[in-house]
Amino acid sequence: MRFIIAIFIILVVPVLFYVFKPNRWNIYFQEHNNNPPRELIVRAINDIIEKKDAMHAIDFGFGNGNETVFLLQHGFSVTAIDAQDAAFMYLEEKTDAAHFAEKLQTIKSDFSQVDWSIVPKADVFVASLSMPFVLPDNFVAVWHSVIKQIKPGGYFVGHFFDPKFEKFSKFDRKNMNFFTKQELLDLFVDFKIHYFNTTTNESNEPRIHEIIAQKR
């Protein structure tokens, strides 16, 4: 009997924990649901990007939709892309998003599986803390799709994590990508960089790179 119980604990309990453990994205979305749009997106829209009629934005990994709503409020039509069911729930609950429904397209998809043929080209491509979660094996292909989807003269606005950003476990890091400042400058060789800022920790080590760049 003890042997059977031991086998149950070893084999079944970890499976049950995996199946029923809380989705960390659901928790994250809930904790940040009432946050204002991130300062980088506000800076880009208010201070850098030249406005014109009928501008389209892509919110890549829109999370709980705070930036999506901000873009809609500032006259953009928006394609909002995310893979998490909770993201769509939080976006649907935002009354401002419903008010702009005719200007909002939503797509449920993993970052590497987006059908870009149904997405309008972007005047602004927002990737707010989403690009680091593209699987490393898929990053090059996804990045090429991102570049292709931005119109000439269009903007990329987003974040990347530095290799010295140690918030994540070794297991998480295997499924993420990290870039130094120089590697990002090389990545954005076909862009004019309007804003590049790197946040640091208490030891002055780099954490998050913030970029606003215009496609040449």
N, C-alpha and C. Protein backbone atom coordinates (compact mmCIF):
# COMPACT_ATOMS: atom_id res chain seq x y z
N MET A 1 0.82 -1.21 0.00
CA MET A 1 0.00 0.00 0.00
C MET A 1 0.86 1.26 0.00
N ARG A 2 1.91 1.26 0.83
CA ARG A 2 2.80 2.41 0.87
C ARG A 2 3.47 2.63 -0.48
N PHE A 3 3.78 1.51 -1.13
CA PHE A 3 4.42 1.61 -2.45
C PHE A 3 3.48 2.28 -3.44
N ILE A 4 2.21 1.93 -3.41
CA ILE A 4 1.23 2.52 -4.32
C ILE A 4 1.07 4.01 -4.05
N ILE A 5 1.03 4.37 -2.77
CA ILE A 5 0.90 5.79 -2.41
C ILE A 5 2.12 6.58 -2.89
N ALA A 6 3.31 5.97 -2.73
CA ALA A 6 4.54 6.64 -3.16
C ALA A 6 4.53 6.87 -4.67
N ILE A 7 4.11 5.86 -5.42
CA ILE A 7 4.03 5.99 -6.88
C ILE A 7 3.05 7.08 -7.27
N PHE A 8 1.90 7.13 -6.55
CA PHE A 8 0.89 8.15 -6.82
C PHE A 8 1.47 9.55 -6.62
N ILE A 9 2.20 9.71 -5.52
CA ILE A 9 2.78 11.03 -5.22
C ILE A 9 3.79 11.42 -6.27
N ILE A 10 4.62 10.47 -6.69
CA ILE A 10 5.70 10.77 -7.64
C ILE A 10 5.16 11.06 -9.03
N LEU A 11 4.17 10.29 -9.47
CA LEU A 11 3.70 10.39 -10.85
C LEU A 11 2.47 11.25 -11.04
N VAL A 12 1.53 11.20 -10.14
CA VAL A 12 0.24 11.85 -10.36
C VAL A 12 0.21 13.27 -9.83
N VAL A 13 0.75 13.50 -8.65
CA VAL A 13 0.66 14.82 -8.03
C VAL A 13 1.28 15.91 -8.90
N PRO A 14 2.49 15.70 -9.48
CA PRO A 14 3.04 16.75 -10.34
C PRO A 14 2.16 17.06 -11.54
N VAL A 15 1.51 16.03 -12.09
CA VAL A 15 0.61 16.24 -13.23
C VAL A 15 -0.58 17.08 -12.81
N LEU A 16 -1.17 16.74 -11.65
CA LEU A 16 -2.31 17.51 -11.14
C LEU A 16 -1.92 18.95 -10.87
N PHE A 17 -0.73 19.16 -10.34
CA PHE A 17 -0.26 20.52 -10.07
C PHE A 17 -0.12 21.30 -11.36
N TYR A 18 0.43 20.66 -12.40
CA TYR A 18 0.62 21.33 -13.68
C TYR A 18 -0.72 21.71 -14.31
N VAL A 19 -1.69 20.77 -14.22
CA VAL A 19 -2.99 20.99 -14.86
C VAL A 19 -3.78 22.08 -14.16
N PHE A 20 -3.73 22.11 -12.83
CA PHE A 20 -4.59 23.00 -12.07
C PHE A 20 -3.88 24.25 -11.52
N LYS A 21 -2.59 24.40 -11.79
CA LYS A 21 -1.90 25.59 -11.27
C LYS A 21 -2.44 26.84 -11.96
N PRO A 22 -2.48 27.97 -11.26
CA PRO A 22 -3.00 29.20 -11.85
C PRO A 22 -2.16 29.64 -13.05
N ASN A 23 -2.83 30.14 -14.07
CA ASN A 23 -2.13 30.70 -15.22
C ASN A 23 -1.50 32.02 -14.80
N ARG A 24 -0.17 32.13 -14.90
CA ARG A 24 0.50 33.33 -14.39
C ARG A 24 0.11 34.57 -15.17
N TRP A 25 -0.28 34.40 -16.45
CA TRP A 25 -0.70 35.55 -17.22
C TRP A 25 -2.04 36.07 -16.72
N ASN A 26 -2.94 35.16 -16.34
CA ASN A 26 -4.21 35.60 -15.76
C ASN A 26 -3.98 36.45 -14.52
N ILE A 27 -3.05 36.00 -13.68
CA ILE A 27 -2.73 36.73 -12.45
C ILE A 27 -2.12 38.08 -12.79
N TYR A 28 -1.19 38.09 -13.74
CA TYR A 28 -0.53 39.34 -14.15
C TYR A 28 -1.55 40.34 -14.69
N PHE A 29 -2.44 39.86 -15.57
CA PHE A 29 -3.44 40.75 -16.15
C PHE A 29 -4.34 41.35 -15.07
N GLN A 30 -4.73 40.54 -14.12
CA GLN A 30 -5.59 41.01 -13.05
C GLN A 30 -4.89 42.07 -12.20
N GLU A 31 -3.63 41.83 -11.88
CA GLU A 31 -2.89 42.77 -11.03
C GLU A 31 -2.66 44.12 -11.71
N HIS A 32 -2.58 44.12 -13.05
CA HIS A 32 -2.24 45.34 -13.79
C HIS A 32 -3.41 45.89 -14.59
N ASN A 33 -4.60 45.38 -14.34
CA ASN A 33 -5.75 45.73 -15.18
C ASN A 33 -6.08 47.21 -15.15
N ASN A 34 -5.90 47.86 -14.01
CA ASN A 34 -6.28 49.27 -13.89
C ASN A 34 -5.10 50.22 -14.06
N ASN A 35 -3.97 49.69 -14.52
CA ASN A 35 -2.82 50.55 -14.75
C ASN A 35 -3.06 51.50 -15.93
N PRO A 36 -2.44 52.66 -15.93
CA PRO A 36 -2.48 53.51 -17.12
C PRO A 36 -1.64 52.88 -18.23
N PRO A 37 -1.79 53.34 -19.47
CA PRO A 37 -0.92 52.83 -20.53
C PRO A 37 0.53 53.11 -20.20
N ARG A 38 1.43 52.26 -20.66
CA ARG A 38 2.84 52.40 -20.32
C ARG A 38 3.42 53.69 -20.89
N GLU A 39 4.33 54.26 -20.13
CA GLU A 39 4.88 55.58 -20.46
C GLU A 39 5.53 55.61 -21.84
N LEU A 40 6.15 54.50 -22.24
CA LEU A 40 6.82 54.48 -23.54
C LEU A 40 5.82 54.70 -24.67
N ILE A 41 4.65 54.06 -24.58
CA ILE A 41 3.63 54.21 -25.63
C ILE A 41 3.07 55.62 -25.60
N VAL A 42 2.85 56.17 -24.41
CA VAL A 42 2.34 57.53 -24.29
C VAL A 42 3.34 58.51 -24.89
N ARG A 43 4.62 58.33 -24.58
CA ARG A 43 5.66 59.20 -25.14
C ARG A 43 5.66 59.15 -26.66
N ALA A 44 5.58 57.92 -27.20
CA ALA A 44 5.62 57.76 -28.66
C ALA A 44 4.45 58.48 -29.33
N ILE A 45 3.26 58.27 -28.81
CA ILE A 45 2.07 58.83 -29.45
C ILE A 45 1.99 60.34 -29.25
N ASN A 46 2.32 60.82 -28.07
CA ASN A 46 2.16 62.24 -27.76
C ASN A 46 3.31 63.12 -28.25
N ASP A 47 4.53 62.56 -28.29
CA ASP A 47 5.70 63.41 -28.51
C ASP A 47 6.50 63.13 -29.78
N ILE A 48 6.38 61.93 -30.35
CA ILE A 48 7.30 61.56 -31.43
C ILE A 48 6.59 61.28 -32.74
N ILE A 49 5.55 60.48 -32.71
CA ILE A 49 4.92 60.03 -33.95
C ILE A 49 4.08 61.15 -34.56
N GLU A 50 4.34 61.43 -35.83
CA GLU A 50 3.59 62.45 -36.55
C GLU A 50 2.21 61.90 -36.92
N LYS A 51 1.17 62.58 -36.52
CA LYS A 51 -0.19 62.10 -36.74
C LYS A 51 -0.66 62.40 -38.16
N LYS A 52 -1.46 61.49 -38.68
CA LYS A 52 -2.13 61.70 -39.95
C LYS A 52 -3.43 60.92 -39.92
N ASP A 53 -4.25 61.11 -40.95
CA ASP A 53 -5.56 60.46 -40.97
C ASP A 53 -5.43 58.96 -41.20
N ALA A 54 -6.39 58.21 -40.66
CA ALA A 54 -6.54 56.77 -40.91
C ALA A 54 -5.28 55.98 -40.58
N MET A 55 -4.71 56.23 -39.42
CA MET A 55 -3.52 55.49 -39.02
C MET A 55 -3.91 54.16 -38.36
N HIS A 56 -3.11 53.14 -38.64
CA HIS A 56 -3.39 51.80 -38.08
C HIS A 56 -2.25 51.37 -37.17
N ALA A 57 -2.61 50.79 -36.03
CA ALA A 57 -1.63 50.28 -35.08
C ALA A 57 -1.85 48.81 -34.83
N ILE A 58 -0.77 48.10 -34.59
CA ILE A 58 -0.82 46.70 -34.16
C ILE A 58 -0.34 46.65 -32.72
N ASP A 59 -1.14 46.07 -31.85
CA ASP A 59 -0.75 45.87 -30.46
C ASP A 59 -0.42 44.39 -30.29
N PHE A 60 0.86 44.09 -30.28
CA PHE A 60 1.36 42.72 -30.36
C PHE A 60 1.59 42.19 -28.95
N GLY A 61 0.67 41.32 -28.50
CA GLY A 61 0.68 40.90 -27.11
C GLY A 61 0.02 41.97 -26.26
N PHE A 62 -1.29 42.19 -26.48
CA PHE A 62 -1.95 43.36 -25.90
C PHE A 62 -2.29 43.21 -24.42
N GLY A 63 -2.15 42.00 -23.86
CA GLY A 63 -2.36 41.83 -22.43
C GLY A 63 -3.77 42.17 -22.00
N ASN A 64 -3.88 43.09 -21.03
CA ASN A 64 -5.23 43.45 -20.58
C ASN A 64 -5.82 44.63 -21.35
N GLY A 65 -5.14 45.07 -22.39
CA GLY A 65 -5.73 46.01 -23.33
C GLY A 65 -5.57 47.48 -23.00
N ASN A 66 -4.76 47.83 -22.01
CA ASN A 66 -4.63 49.24 -21.64
C ASN A 66 -4.05 50.08 -22.78
N GLU A 67 -3.03 49.55 -23.46
CA GLU A 67 -2.44 50.28 -24.58
C GLU A 67 -3.37 50.25 -25.80
N THR A 68 -4.10 49.15 -25.98
CA THR A 68 -5.06 49.07 -27.09
C THR A 68 -6.08 50.19 -26.98
N VAL A 69 -6.65 50.36 -25.79
CA VAL A 69 -7.65 51.40 -25.58
C VAL A 69 -7.03 52.78 -25.79
N PHE A 70 -5.83 52.98 -25.30
CA PHE A 70 -5.15 54.27 -25.48
C PHE A 70 -5.00 54.60 -26.96
N LEU A 71 -4.61 53.62 -27.76
CA LEU A 71 -4.45 53.83 -29.19
C LEU A 71 -5.79 54.17 -29.85
N LEU A 72 -6.84 53.43 -29.48
CA LEU A 72 -8.16 53.72 -30.02
C LEU A 72 -8.61 55.13 -29.67
N GLN A 73 -8.37 55.53 -28.44
CA GLN A 73 -8.76 56.87 -28.00
C GLN A 73 -8.02 57.97 -28.75
N HIS A 74 -6.86 57.63 -29.30
CA HIS A 74 -6.07 58.62 -30.03
C HIS A 74 -6.21 58.49 -31.54
N GLY A 75 -7.31 57.88 -31.96
CA GLY A 75 -7.69 57.91 -33.36
C GLY A 75 -7.19 56.78 -34.23
N PHE A 76 -6.46 55.82 -33.66
CA PHE A 76 -5.96 54.70 -34.45
C PHE A 76 -7.04 53.63 -34.61
N SER A 77 -7.04 52.97 -35.75
CA SER A 77 -7.65 51.65 -35.81
C SER A 77 -6.59 50.67 -35.32
N VAL A 78 -7.01 49.60 -34.66
CA VAL A 78 -6.06 48.74 -33.97
C VAL A 78 -6.33 47.27 -34.26
N THR A 79 -5.27 46.54 -34.54
CA THR A 79 -5.30 45.08 -34.52
C THR A 79 -4.60 44.63 -33.26
N ALA A 80 -5.35 43.98 -32.37
CA ALA A 80 -4.83 43.54 -31.07
C ALA A 80 -4.63 42.02 -31.11
N ILE A 81 -3.40 41.59 -30.83
CA ILE A 81 -3.03 40.18 -30.96
C ILE A 81 -2.55 39.65 -29.62
N ASP A 82 -3.08 38.50 -29.22
CA ASP A 82 -2.61 37.84 -28.01
C ASP A 82 -3.02 36.37 -28.07
N ALA A 83 -2.32 35.55 -27.27
CA ALA A 83 -2.62 34.11 -27.24
C ALA A 83 -3.42 33.70 -26.01
N GLN A 84 -3.56 34.62 -25.06
CA GLN A 84 -4.19 34.28 -23.78
C GLN A 84 -5.68 34.61 -23.78
N ASP A 85 -6.52 33.64 -23.39
CA ASP A 85 -7.96 33.87 -23.32
C ASP A 85 -8.28 35.04 -22.40
N ALA A 86 -7.56 35.14 -21.28
CA ALA A 86 -7.83 36.19 -20.30
C ALA A 86 -7.64 37.57 -20.91
N ALA A 87 -6.72 37.72 -21.84
CA ALA A 87 -6.50 39.02 -22.47
C ALA A 87 -7.77 39.52 -23.15
N PHE A 88 -8.45 38.65 -23.84
CA PHE A 88 -9.66 39.04 -24.55
C PHE A 88 -10.79 39.35 -23.57
N MET A 89 -10.83 38.63 -22.46
CA MET A 89 -11.83 38.89 -21.44
C MET A 89 -11.66 40.29 -20.87
N TYR A 90 -10.42 40.65 -20.52
CA TYR A 90 -10.18 41.96 -19.94
C TYR A 90 -10.43 43.08 -20.95
N LEU A 91 -10.07 42.83 -22.21
CA LEU A 91 -10.29 43.85 -23.24
C LEU A 91 -11.79 44.06 -23.46
N GLU A 92 -12.55 42.99 -23.49
CA GLU A 92 -14.00 43.10 -23.71
C GLU A 92 -14.70 43.84 -22.58
N GLU A 93 -14.13 43.78 -21.38
CA GLU A 93 -14.73 44.45 -20.23
C GLU A 93 -14.48 45.95 -20.22
N LYS A 94 -13.57 46.41 -21.05
CA LYS A 94 -13.26 47.84 -21.08
C LYS A 94 -14.29 48.56 -21.97
N THR A 95 -15.04 49.45 -21.37
CA THR A 95 -16.12 50.12 -22.10
C THR A 95 -15.59 50.93 -23.28
N ASP A 96 -14.41 51.52 -23.13
CA ASP A 96 -13.86 52.31 -24.23
C ASP A 96 -13.56 51.43 -25.44
N ALA A 97 -13.13 50.19 -25.20
CA ALA A 97 -12.86 49.29 -26.31
C ALA A 97 -14.16 48.98 -27.05
N ALA A 98 -15.24 48.76 -26.32
CA ALA A 98 -16.53 48.48 -26.95
C ALA A 98 -17.01 49.68 -27.77
N HIS A 99 -16.73 50.88 -27.25
CA HIS A 99 -17.15 52.11 -27.94
C HIS A 99 -16.48 52.22 -29.31
N PHE A 100 -15.26 51.70 -29.43
CA PHE A 100 -14.52 51.79 -30.68
C PHE A 100 -14.51 50.46 -31.45
N ALA A 101 -15.53 49.65 -31.24
CA ALA A 101 -15.53 48.28 -31.78
C ALA A 101 -15.31 48.24 -33.29
N GLU A 102 -15.84 49.23 -33.99
CA GLU A 102 -15.72 49.22 -35.46
C GLU A 102 -14.28 49.48 -35.91
N LYS A 103 -13.44 49.96 -35.01
CA LYS A 103 -12.04 50.24 -35.36
C LYS A 103 -11.08 49.22 -34.75
N LEU A 104 -11.64 48.17 -34.15
CA LEU A 104 -10.81 47.19 -33.45
C LEU A 104 -10.93 45.80 -34.07
N GLN A 105 -9.79 45.23 -34.42
CA GLN A 105 -9.70 43.84 -34.87
C GLN A 105 -8.91 43.06 -33.83
N THR A 106 -9.44 41.93 -33.38
CA THR A 106 -8.71 41.11 -32.41
C THR A 106 -8.37 39.76 -33.04
N ILE A 107 -7.19 39.27 -32.71
CA ILE A 107 -6.71 37.99 -33.23
C ILE A 107 -6.12 37.18 -32.09
N LYS A 108 -6.61 35.98 -31.90
CA LYS A 108 -6.05 35.07 -30.90
C LYS A 108 -5.04 34.17 -31.58
N SER A 109 -3.78 34.31 -31.21
CA SER A 109 -2.72 33.55 -31.88
C SER A 109 -1.44 33.61 -31.08
N ASP A 110 -0.68 32.52 -31.13
CA ASP A 110 0.70 32.58 -30.66
C ASP A 110 1.48 33.54 -31.56
N PHE A 111 2.52 34.11 -31.02
CA PHE A 111 3.29 35.10 -31.78
C PHE A 111 3.84 34.54 -33.09
N SER A 112 4.19 33.28 -33.10
CA SER A 112 4.81 32.69 -34.29
C SER A 112 3.80 32.18 -35.30
N GLN A 113 2.51 32.22 -34.96
CA GLN A 113 1.48 31.64 -35.82
C GLN A 113 0.51 32.68 -36.39
N VAL A 114 0.82 33.94 -36.26
CA VAL A 114 -0.09 34.98 -36.74
C VAL A 114 -0.25 34.90 -38.25
N ASP A 115 -1.49 34.96 -38.72
CA ASP A 115 -1.76 35.03 -40.16
C ASP A 115 -1.71 36.50 -40.57
N TRP A 116 -0.54 36.95 -40.97
CA TRP A 116 -0.35 38.37 -41.26
C TRP A 116 -1.12 38.82 -42.49
N SER A 117 -1.59 37.88 -43.30
CA SER A 117 -2.32 38.25 -44.52
C SER A 117 -3.65 38.92 -44.21
N ILE A 118 -4.17 38.74 -42.99
CA ILE A 118 -5.45 39.34 -42.62
C ILE A 118 -5.27 40.59 -41.76
N VAL A 119 -4.01 41.00 -41.58
CA VAL A 119 -3.70 42.15 -40.73
C VAL A 119 -3.25 43.32 -41.59
N PRO A 120 -3.89 44.49 -41.46
CA PRO A 120 -3.42 45.66 -42.22
C PRO A 120 -1.99 46.04 -41.83
N LYS A 121 -1.27 46.63 -42.76
CA LYS A 121 0.07 47.12 -42.46
C LYS A 121 0.00 48.21 -41.39
N ALA A 122 1.06 48.31 -40.62
CA ALA A 122 1.02 49.17 -39.44
C ALA A 122 1.76 50.49 -39.64
N ASP A 123 1.12 51.58 -39.22
CA ASP A 123 1.81 52.85 -39.05
C ASP A 123 2.60 52.82 -37.73
N VAL A 124 2.05 52.09 -36.76
CA VAL A 124 2.69 51.93 -35.46
C VAL A 124 2.56 50.47 -35.02
N PHE A 125 3.68 49.87 -34.68
CA PHE A 125 3.70 48.49 -34.18
C PHE A 125 4.13 48.53 -32.72
N VAL A 126 3.18 48.23 -31.83
CA VAL A 126 3.45 48.28 -30.39
C VAL A 126 3.72 46.86 -29.88
N ALA A 127 4.86 46.69 -29.23
CA ALA A 127 5.21 45.40 -28.61
C ALA A 127 5.64 45.70 -27.18
N SER A 128 4.65 45.92 -26.33
CA SER A 128 4.90 46.33 -24.96
C SER A 128 5.18 45.11 -24.08
N LEU A 129 6.46 44.87 -23.81
CA LEU A 129 6.90 43.73 -22.99
C LEU A 129 6.48 42.39 -23.58
N SER A 130 6.33 42.31 -24.90
CA SER A 130 5.91 41.05 -25.51
C SER A 130 7.03 40.35 -26.28
N MET A 131 7.88 41.09 -26.95
CA MET A 131 8.92 40.47 -27.77
C MET A 131 9.82 39.51 -26.98
N PRO A 132 10.15 39.78 -25.71
CA PRO A 132 10.99 38.84 -24.98
C PRO A 132 10.38 37.45 -24.82
N PHE A 133 9.06 37.34 -25.01
CA PHE A 133 8.41 36.05 -24.81
C PHE A 133 8.17 35.29 -26.11
N VAL A 134 8.72 35.79 -27.20
CA VAL A 134 8.78 35.00 -28.43
C VAL A 134 9.81 33.89 -28.21
N LEU A 135 9.45 32.66 -28.52
CA LEU A 135 10.38 31.55 -28.32
C LEU A 135 11.67 31.79 -29.11
N PRO A 136 12.82 31.53 -28.51
CA PRO A 136 14.10 31.80 -29.19
C PRO A 136 14.19 31.20 -30.59
N ASP A 137 13.71 29.98 -30.77
CA ASP A 137 13.79 29.34 -32.09
C ASP A 137 12.92 30.03 -33.13
N ASN A 138 11.94 30.79 -32.66
CA ASN A 138 11.01 31.47 -33.57
C ASN A 138 11.33 32.94 -33.76
N PHE A 139 12.28 33.47 -33.00
CA PHE A 139 12.44 34.92 -32.97
C PHE A 139 12.79 35.51 -34.33
N VAL A 140 13.73 34.92 -35.04
CA VAL A 140 14.17 35.50 -36.32
C VAL A 140 13.00 35.60 -37.29
N ALA A 141 12.22 34.53 -37.39
CA ALA A 141 11.07 34.53 -38.31
C ALA A 141 10.02 35.55 -37.88
N VAL A 142 9.76 35.61 -36.58
CA VAL A 142 8.77 36.58 -36.08
C VAL A 142 9.26 38.00 -36.32
N TRP A 143 10.53 38.26 -36.07
CA TRP A 143 11.07 39.60 -36.25
C TRP A 143 10.99 40.04 -37.71
N HIS A 144 11.29 39.12 -38.62
CA HIS A 144 11.17 39.46 -40.05
C HIS A 144 9.72 39.80 -40.40
N SER A 145 8.76 39.08 -39.81
CA SER A 145 7.34 39.38 -40.05
C SER A 145 6.98 40.75 -39.50
N VAL A 146 7.52 41.08 -38.33
CA VAL A 146 7.26 42.39 -37.73
C VAL A 146 7.76 43.50 -38.64
N ILE A 147 8.99 43.38 -39.09
CA ILE A 147 9.57 44.40 -39.97
C ILE A 147 8.73 44.55 -41.24
N LYS A 148 8.35 43.42 -41.81
CA LYS A 148 7.57 43.43 -43.05
C LYS A 148 6.21 44.08 -42.85
N GLN A 149 5.65 43.94 -41.65
CA GLN A 149 4.30 44.43 -41.39
C GLN A 149 4.26 45.93 -41.14
N ILE A 150 5.42 46.53 -40.83
CA ILE A 150 5.48 47.98 -40.60
C ILE A 150 5.65 48.71 -41.93
N LYS A 151 4.82 49.71 -42.16
CA LYS A 151 4.94 50.49 -43.38
C LYS A 151 6.26 51.26 -43.41
N PRO A 152 6.81 51.55 -44.57
CA PRO A 152 7.94 52.48 -44.64
C PRO A 152 7.55 53.80 -43.98
N GLY A 153 8.38 54.26 -43.08
CA GLY A 153 8.06 55.45 -42.32
C GLY A 153 7.25 55.18 -41.07
N GLY A 154 6.83 53.90 -40.90
CA GLY A 154 6.09 53.52 -39.70
C GLY A 154 7.02 53.30 -38.52
N TYR A 155 6.42 53.11 -37.35
CA TYR A 155 7.19 53.07 -36.11
C TYR A 155 7.06 51.74 -35.38
N PHE A 156 8.15 51.34 -34.74
CA PHE A 156 8.13 50.27 -33.76
C PHE A 156 8.27 50.90 -32.38
N VAL A 157 7.40 50.49 -31.47
CA VAL A 157 7.45 50.99 -30.09
C VAL A 157 7.39 49.78 -29.16
N GLY A 158 8.47 49.52 -28.43
CA GLY A 158 8.43 48.33 -27.60
C GLY A 158 9.61 48.16 -26.68
N HIS A 159 9.61 47.01 -26.00
CA HIS A 159 10.60 46.70 -24.97
C HIS A 159 11.33 45.40 -25.30
N PHE A 160 12.58 45.35 -24.85
CA PHE A 160 13.37 44.12 -24.89
C PHE A 160 14.08 43.97 -23.55
N PHE A 161 14.36 42.74 -23.17
CA PHE A 161 15.05 42.48 -21.91
C PHE A 161 16.54 42.28 -22.15
N ASP A 162 17.35 42.84 -21.28
CA ASP A 162 18.80 42.65 -21.33
C ASP A 162 19.16 41.30 -20.71
N PRO A 163 20.25 40.66 -21.17
CA PRO A 163 20.68 39.39 -20.57
C PRO A 163 20.93 39.47 -19.06
N LYS A 164 21.23 40.67 -18.57
CA LYS A 164 21.49 40.81 -17.13
C LYS A 164 20.22 41.02 -16.32
N PHE A 165 19.09 41.03 -16.98
CA PHE A 165 17.80 41.13 -16.27
C PHE A 165 17.48 39.75 -15.69
N GLU A 166 17.63 39.60 -14.39
CA GLU A 166 17.61 38.28 -13.76
C GLU A 166 16.31 37.98 -13.01
N LYS A 167 15.23 38.60 -13.42
CA LYS A 167 13.96 38.38 -12.74
C LYS A 167 13.43 36.97 -12.94
N PHE A 168 13.80 36.33 -14.03
CA PHE A 168 13.17 35.08 -14.44
C PHE A 168 14.02 33.87 -14.07
N SER A 169 13.35 32.74 -13.88
CA SER A 169 14.04 31.49 -13.54
C SER A 169 14.79 30.95 -14.75
N LYS A 170 15.70 30.02 -14.50
CA LYS A 170 16.43 29.39 -15.60
C LYS A 170 15.47 28.69 -16.56
N PHE A 171 14.43 28.10 -16.02
CA PHE A 171 13.44 27.42 -16.87
C PHE A 171 12.73 28.43 -17.78
N ASP A 172 12.32 29.56 -17.23
CA ASP A 172 11.65 30.60 -18.03
C ASP A 172 12.59 31.15 -19.09
N ARG A 173 13.83 31.38 -18.72
CA ARG A 173 14.78 32.01 -19.63
C ARG A 173 15.03 31.17 -20.88
N LYS A 174 14.89 29.86 -20.76
CA LYS A 174 15.08 28.98 -21.91
C LYS A 174 14.05 29.25 -23.00
N ASN A 175 12.90 29.80 -22.60
CA ASN A 175 11.82 30.06 -23.54
C ASN A 175 11.65 31.54 -23.84
N MET A 176 12.70 32.31 -23.56
CA MET A 176 12.66 33.75 -23.79
C MET A 176 13.89 34.19 -24.59
N ASN A 177 13.89 35.46 -24.99
CA ASN A 177 15.06 36.00 -25.68
C ASN A 177 15.51 37.28 -24.98
N PHE A 178 16.82 37.52 -25.04
CA PHE A 178 17.44 38.65 -24.36
C PHE A 178 18.45 39.30 -25.30
N PHE A 179 18.56 40.63 -25.24
CA PHE A 179 19.45 41.35 -26.14
C PHE A 179 20.21 42.44 -25.37
N THR A 180 21.49 42.57 -25.69
CA THR A 180 22.25 43.72 -25.20
C THR A 180 21.88 44.94 -26.03
N LYS A 181 22.30 46.10 -25.56
CA LYS A 181 22.03 47.33 -26.31
C LYS A 181 22.63 47.26 -27.71
N GLN A 182 23.87 46.79 -27.82
CA GLN A 182 24.52 46.74 -29.12
C GLN A 182 23.81 45.76 -30.05
N GLU A 183 23.36 44.64 -29.52
CA GLU A 183 22.63 43.68 -30.34
C GLU A 183 21.32 44.28 -30.86
N LEU A 184 20.69 45.11 -30.06
CA LEU A 184 19.46 45.76 -30.52
C LEU A 184 19.75 46.83 -31.57
N LEU A 185 20.84 47.55 -31.41
CA LEU A 185 21.21 48.52 -32.43
C LEU A 185 21.45 47.82 -33.77
N ASP A 186 22.04 46.65 -33.71
CA ASP A 186 22.23 45.86 -34.94
C ASP A 186 20.89 45.37 -35.48
N LEU A 187 19.99 44.99 -34.58
CA LEU A 187 18.68 44.48 -34.99
C LEU A 187 17.87 45.56 -35.69
N PHE A 188 18.05 46.80 -35.26
CA PHE A 188 17.29 47.92 -35.81
C PHE A 188 18.09 48.70 -36.85
N VAL A 189 18.92 48.01 -37.58
CA VAL A 189 19.79 48.67 -38.56
C VAL A 189 18.97 49.36 -39.66
N ASP A 190 17.77 48.86 -39.95
CA ASP A 190 16.93 49.46 -40.99
C ASP A 190 15.96 50.51 -40.44
N PHE A 191 16.20 50.95 -39.21
CA PHE A 191 15.33 51.92 -38.57
C PHE A 191 16.13 53.15 -38.12
N LYS A 192 15.45 54.27 -38.06
CA LYS A 192 15.99 55.45 -37.40
C LYS A 192 15.50 55.44 -35.96
N ILE A 193 16.41 55.41 -35.01
CA ILE A 193 16.02 55.33 -33.60
C ILE A 193 15.77 56.73 -33.05
N HIS A 194 14.54 56.96 -32.61
CA HIS A 194 14.16 58.25 -32.04
C HIS A 194 14.34 58.28 -30.53
N TYR A 195 14.26 57.13 -29.90
CA TYR A 195 14.35 57.07 -28.44
C TYR A 195 14.87 55.69 -28.04
N PHE A 196 15.90 55.68 -27.22
CA PHE A 196 16.45 54.42 -26.70
C PHE A 196 16.83 54.67 -25.24
N ASN A 197 16.16 53.94 -24.37
CA ASN A 197 16.43 54.10 -22.94
C ASN A 197 16.56 52.72 -22.30
N THR A 198 17.49 52.60 -21.37
CA THR A 198 17.67 51.34 -20.67
C THR A 198 17.48 51.56 -19.18
N THR A 199 16.49 50.87 -18.61
CA THR A 199 16.30 50.95 -17.16
C THR A 199 17.34 50.06 -16.49
N THR A 200 17.69 50.39 -15.27
CA THR A 200 18.72 49.64 -14.54
C THR A 200 18.21 49.27 -13.15
N ASN A 201 18.92 48.31 -12.55
CA ASN A 201 18.59 47.92 -11.17
C ASN A 201 19.42 48.73 -10.18
N GLU A 202 19.35 48.34 -8.90
CA GLU A 202 20.06 49.08 -7.86
C GLU A 202 21.58 49.07 -8.06
N SER A 203 22.07 48.03 -8.76
CA SER A 203 23.51 47.93 -9.02
C SER A 203 23.91 48.55 -10.35
N ASN A 204 22.97 49.28 -10.95
CA ASN A 204 23.20 49.95 -12.23
C ASN A 204 23.42 48.96 -13.37
N GLU A 205 22.92 47.77 -13.23
CA GLU A 205 22.98 46.79 -14.32
C GLU A 205 21.73 46.92 -15.18
N PRO A 206 21.87 46.76 -16.49
CA PRO A 206 20.73 46.95 -17.40
C PRO A 206 19.63 45.93 -17.18
N ARG A 207 18.38 46.37 -17.35
CA ARG A 207 17.23 45.49 -17.18
C ARG A 207 16.37 45.46 -18.45
N ILE A 208 15.73 46.58 -18.73
CA ILE A 208 14.78 46.64 -19.84
C ILE A 208 15.17 47.75 -20.80
N HIS A 209 15.22 47.42 -22.08
CA HIS A 209 15.50 48.40 -23.13
C HIS A 209 14.18 48.89 -23.72
N GLU A 210 14.02 50.21 -23.80
CA GLU A 210 12.83 50.83 -24.36
C GLU A 210 13.19 51.50 -25.68
N ILE A 211 12.41 51.20 -26.73
CA ILE A 211 12.80 51.66 -28.06
C ILE A 211 11.60 52.26 -28.79
N ILE A 212 11.83 53.42 -29.40
CA ILE A 212 10.92 53.98 -30.38
C ILE A 212 11.74 54.21 -31.64
N ALA A 213 11.42 53.51 -32.71
CA ALA A 213 12.23 53.55 -33.92
C ALA A 213 11.35 53.62 -35.16
N GLN A 214 11.84 54.32 -36.16
CA GLN A 214 11.07 54.54 -37.40
C GLN A 214 11.71 53.79 -38.55
N LYS A 215 10.91 53.01 -39.25
CA LYS A 215 11.40 52.23 -40.38
C LYS A 215 11.77 53.16 -41.53
N ARG A 216 12.94 52.94 -42.08
CA ARG A 216 13.42 53.80 -43.16
C ARG A 216 12.70 53.47 -44.47
